[in-house]
Amino acid sequence: MSTQILLIAIGLLCWLIESHLATLVSIKQDEHEGVVRLPAKPTKIA
């Protein structure tokens, strides 16, 4: 039973890291346009 919990925890951790990396990558791609995309709302950098 503990191995199942461990596998679920590892899966959640990988999913969190992947979504965080995707967010960082999209921010890096938009930096040259002067736009940073946040989950809630995009904000323009003056």
PDB file of N, CA and C in Angstrom:
ATOM      1  N   MET A   1       0.841  -1.205   0.000  1.00  0.00           N
ATOM      2  CA  MET A   1       0.000   0.000   0.000  1.00  0.00           C
ATOM      3  C   MET A   1       0.881   1.262   0.000  1.00  0.00           C
ATOM      4  N   SER A   2       1.968   1.222   0.739  1.00  0.00           N
ATOM      5  CA  SER A   2       2.832   2.409   0.798  1.00  0.00           C
ATOM      6  C   SER A   2       3.489   2.666  -0.561  1.00  0.00           C
ATOM      7  N   THR A   3       3.740   1.589  -1.331  1.00  0.00           N
ATOM      8  CA  THR A   3       4.339   1.785  -2.658  1.00  0.00           C
ATOM      9  C   THR A   3       3.358   2.497  -3.576  1.00  0.00           C
ATOM     10  N   GLN A   4       2.060   2.206  -3.440  1.00  0.00           N
ATOM     11  CA  GLN A   4       1.044   2.892  -4.253  1.00  0.00           C
ATOM     12  C   GLN A   4       1.040   4.382  -3.939  1.00  0.00           C
ATOM     13  N   ILE A   5       1.078   4.723  -2.669  1.00  0.00           N
ATOM     14  CA  ILE A   5       1.085   6.129  -2.245  1.00  0.00           C
ATOM     15  C   ILE A   5       2.337   6.812  -2.782  1.00  0.00           C
ATOM     16  N   LEU A   6       3.471   6.108  -2.730  1.00  0.00           N
ATOM     17  CA  LEU A   6       4.722   6.665  -3.224  1.00  0.00           C
ATOM     18  C   LEU A   6       4.636   6.942  -4.717  1.00  0.00           C
ATOM     19  N   LEU A   7       4.072   5.993  -5.473  1.00  0.00           N
ATOM     20  CA  LEU A   7       3.938   6.186  -6.922  1.00  0.00           C
ATOM     21  C   LEU A   7       3.032   7.370  -7.234  1.00  0.00           C
ATOM     22  N   ILE A   8       1.943   7.509  -6.496  1.00  0.00           N
ATOM     23  CA  ILE A   8       1.024   8.640  -6.710  1.00  0.00           C
ATOM     24  C   ILE A   8       1.734   9.955  -6.395  1.00  0.00           C
ATOM     25  N   ALA A   9       2.512   9.974  -5.304  1.00  0.00           N
ATOM     26  CA  ALA A   9       3.240  11.186  -4.923  1.00  0.00           C
ATOM     27  C   ALA A   9       4.253  11.562  -6.006  1.00  0.00           C
ATOM     28  N   ILE A  10       4.973  10.573  -6.524  1.00  0.00           N
ATOM     29  CA  ILE A  10       5.955  10.838  -7.582  1.00  0.00           C
ATOM     30  C   ILE A  10       5.251  11.352  -8.833  1.00  0.00           C
ATOM     31  N   GLY A  11       4.119  10.774  -9.169  1.00  0.00           N
ATOM     32  CA  GLY A  11       3.358  11.214 -10.340  1.00  0.00           C
ATOM     33  C   GLY A  11       2.901  12.665 -10.190  1.00  0.00           C
ATOM     34  N   LEU A  12       2.405  13.013  -9.005  1.00  0.00           N
ATOM     35  CA  LEU A  12       1.978  14.393  -8.752  1.00  0.00           C
ATOM     36  C   LEU A  12       3.162  15.347  -8.836  1.00  0.00           C
ATOM     37  N   LEU A  13       4.298  14.937  -8.291  1.00  0.00           N
ATOM     38  CA  LEU A  13       5.492  15.780  -8.314  1.00  0.00           C
ATOM     39  C   LEU A  13       5.941  16.030  -9.747  1.00  0.00           C
ATOM     40  N   CYS A  14       5.957  14.969 -10.554  1.00  0.00           N
ATOM     41  CA  CYS A  14       6.349  15.122 -11.957  1.00  0.00           C
ATOM     42  C   CYS A  14       5.385  16.052 -12.684  1.00  0.00           C
ATOM     43  N   TRP A  15       4.079  15.910 -12.409  1.00  0.00           N
ATOM     44  CA  TRP A  15       3.084  16.755 -13.063  1.00  0.00           C
ATOM     45  C   TRP A  15       3.280  18.222 -12.677  1.00  0.00           C
ATOM     46  N   LEU A  16       3.560  18.464 -11.384  1.00  0.00           N
ATOM     47  CA  LEU A  16       3.786  19.836 -10.916  1.00  0.00           C
ATOM     48  C   LEU A  16       5.011  20.438 -11.585  1.00  0.00           C
ATOM     49  N   ILE A  17       6.101  19.657 -11.662  1.00  0.00           N
ATOM     50  CA  ILE A  17       7.337  20.152 -12.284  1.00  0.00           C
ATOM     51  C   ILE A  17       7.091  20.447 -13.758  1.00  0.00           C
ATOM     52  N   GLU A  18       6.379  19.553 -14.448  1.00  0.00           N
ATOM     53  CA  GLU A  18       6.104  19.754 -15.876  1.00  0.00           C
ATOM     54  C   GLU A  18       5.285  21.018 -16.113  1.00  0.00           C
ATOM     55  N   SER A  19       4.238  21.219 -15.323  1.00  0.00           N
ATOM     56  CA  SER A  19       3.402  22.406 -15.516  1.00  0.00           C
ATOM     57  C   SER A  19       4.176  23.678 -15.161  1.00  0.00           C
ATOM     58  N   HIS A  20       5.047  23.594 -14.146  1.00  0.00           N
ATOM     59  CA  HIS A  20       5.865  24.756 -13.762  1.00  0.00           C
ATOM     60  C   HIS A  20       6.854  25.084 -14.880  1.00  0.00           C
ATOM     61  N   LEU A  21       7.467  24.056 -15.449  1.00  0.00           N
ATOM     62  CA  LEU A  21       8.419  24.272 -16.548  1.00  0.00           C
ATOM     63  C   LEU A  21       7.708  24.870 -17.750  1.00  0.00           C
ATOM     64  N   ALA A  22       6.502  24.377 -18.041  1.00  0.00           N
ATOM     65  CA  ALA A  22       5.746  24.902 -19.185  1.00  0.00           C
ATOM     66  C   ALA A  22       5.443  26.385 -18.973  1.00  0.00           C
ATOM     67  N   THR A  23       5.116  26.756 -17.730  1.00  0.00           N
ATOM     68  CA  THR A  23       4.843  28.162 -17.428  1.00  0.00           C
ATOM     69  C   THR A  23       6.101  29.006 -17.617  1.00  0.00           C
ATOM     70  N   LEU A  24       7.237  28.501 -17.128  1.00  0.00           N
ATOM     71  CA  LEU A  24       8.502  29.235 -17.283  1.00  0.00           C
ATOM     72  C   LEU A  24       8.860  29.397 -18.750  1.00  0.00           C
ATOM     73  N   VAL A  25       8.675  28.341 -19.531  1.00  0.00           N
ATOM     74  CA  VAL A  25       9.011  28.390 -20.954  1.00  0.00           C
ATOM     75  C   VAL A  25       8.128  29.416 -21.664  1.00  0.00           C
ATOM     76  N   SER A  26       6.834  29.441 -21.367  1.00  0.00           N
ATOM     77  CA  SER A  26       5.942  30.396 -22.034  1.00  0.00           C
ATOM     78  C   SER A  26       6.297  31.825 -21.638  1.00  0.00           C
ATOM     79  N   ILE A  27       6.720  32.033 -20.390  1.00  0.00           N
ATOM     80  CA  ILE A  27       7.142  33.370 -19.959  1.00  0.00           C
ATOM     81  C   ILE A  27       8.398  33.784 -20.718  1.00  0.00           C
ATOM     82  N   LYS A  28       9.359  32.866 -20.856  1.00  0.00           N
ATOM     83  CA  LYS A  28      10.598  33.178 -21.574  1.00  0.00           C
ATOM     84  C   LYS A  28      10.301  33.508 -23.034  1.00  0.00           C
ATOM     85  N   GLN A  29       9.374  32.774 -23.661  1.00  0.00           N
ATOM     86  CA  GLN A  29       9.049  33.004 -25.066  1.00  0.00           C
ATOM     87  C   GLN A  29       8.393  34.363 -25.261  1.00  0.00           C
ATOM     88  N   ASP A  30       7.650  34.830 -24.258  1.00  0.00           N
ATOM     89  CA  ASP A  30       6.911  36.086 -24.398  1.00  0.00           C
ATOM     90  C   ASP A  30       7.715  37.292 -23.953  1.00  0.00           C
ATOM     91  N   GLU A  31       8.873  37.079 -23.314  1.00  0.00           N
ATOM     92  CA  GLU A  31       9.632  38.203 -22.775  1.00  0.00           C
ATOM     93  C   GLU A  31      10.072  39.177 -23.862  1.00  0.00           C
ATOM     94  N   HIS A  32      10.449  38.668 -25.035  1.00  0.00           N
ATOM     95  CA  HIS A  32      10.937  39.568 -26.079  1.00  0.00           C
ATOM     96  C   HIS A  32       9.812  40.428 -26.643  1.00  0.00           C
ATOM     97  N   GLU A  33       8.558  40.029 -26.408  1.00  0.00           N
ATOM     98  CA  GLU A  33       7.421  40.842 -26.856  1.00  0.00           C
ATOM     99  C   GLU A  33       6.991  41.813 -25.765  1.00  0.00           C
ATOM    100  N   GLY A  34       7.610  41.727 -24.590  1.00  0.00           N
ATOM    101  CA  GLY A  34       7.260  42.607 -23.487  1.00  0.00           C
ATOM    102  C   GLY A  34       5.985  42.178 -22.778  1.00  0.00           C
ATOM    103  N   VAL A  35       5.606  40.920 -22.921  1.00  0.00           N
ATOM    104  CA  VAL A  35       4.397  40.431 -22.269  1.00  0.00           C
ATOM    105  C   VAL A  35       4.756  39.222 -21.416  1.00  0.00           C
ATOM    106  N   VAL A  36       4.362  39.248 -20.169  1.00  0.00           N
ATOM    107  CA  VAL A  36       4.544  38.097 -19.291  1.00  0.00           C
ATOM    108  C   VAL A  36       3.174  37.488 -19.033  1.00  0.00           C
ATOM    109  N   ARG A  37       3.018  36.221 -19.392  1.00  0.00           N
ATOM    110  CA  ARG A  37       1.733  35.547 -19.219  1.00  0.00           C
ATOM    111  C   ARG A  37       1.654  34.929 -17.831  1.00  0.00           C
ATOM    112  N   LEU A  38       0.668  35.370 -17.063  1.00  0.00           N
ATOM    113  CA  LEU A  38       0.403  34.768 -15.766  1.00  0.00           C
ATOM    114  C   LEU A  38      -0.861  33.935 -15.903  1.00  0.00           C
ATOM    115  N   PRO A  39      -1.034  32.947 -15.019  1.00  0.00           N
ATOM    116  CA  PRO A  39      -2.237  32.109 -15.099  1.00  0.00           C
ATOM    117  C   PRO A  39      -3.531  32.932 -15.071  1.00  0.00           C
ATOM    118  N   ALA A  40      -3.558  34.015 -14.288  1.00  0.00           N
ATOM    119  CA  ALA A  40      -4.777  34.802 -14.156  1.00  0.00           C
ATOM    120  C   ALA A  40      -4.940  35.771 -15.321  1.00  0.00           C
ATOM    121  N   LYS A  41      -3.953  36.637 -15.524  1.00  0.00           N
ATOM    122  CA  LYS A  41      -4.096  37.663 -16.553  1.00  0.00           C
ATOM    123  C   LYS A  41      -2.729  38.051 -17.116  1.00  0.00           C
ATOM    124  N   PRO A  42      -2.640  38.294 -18.403  1.00  0.00           N
ATOM    125  CA  PRO A  42      -1.381  38.770 -18.972  1.00  0.00           C
ATOM    126  C   PRO A  42      -1.149  40.239 -18.620  1.00  0.00           C
ATOM    127  N   THR A  43       0.102  40.565 -18.262  1.00  0.00           N
ATOM    128  CA  THR A  43       0.404  41.950 -17.904  1.00  0.00           C
ATOM    129  C   THR A  43       1.519  42.465 -18.801  1.00  0.00           C
ATOM    130  N   LYS A  44       1.373  43.668 -19.281  1.00  0.00           N
ATOM    131  CA  LYS A  44       2.403  44.243 -20.152  1.00  0.00           C
ATOM    132  C   LYS A  44       3.446  44.968 -19.310  1.00  0.00           C
ATOM    133  N   ILE A  45       4.713  44.811 -19.712  1.00  0.00           N
ATOM    134  CA  ILE A  45       5.796  45.503 -19.014  1.00  0.00           C
ATOM    135  C   ILE A  45       6.065  46.810 -19.740  1.00  0.00           C
ATOM    136  N   ALA A  46       5.998  47.920 -19.011  1.00  0.00           N
ATOM    137  CA  ALA A  46       6.192  49.223 -19.643  1.00  0.00           C
ATOM    138  C   ALA A  46       7.656  49.422 -20.025  1.00  0.00           C
TER     139      ALA A  46
END
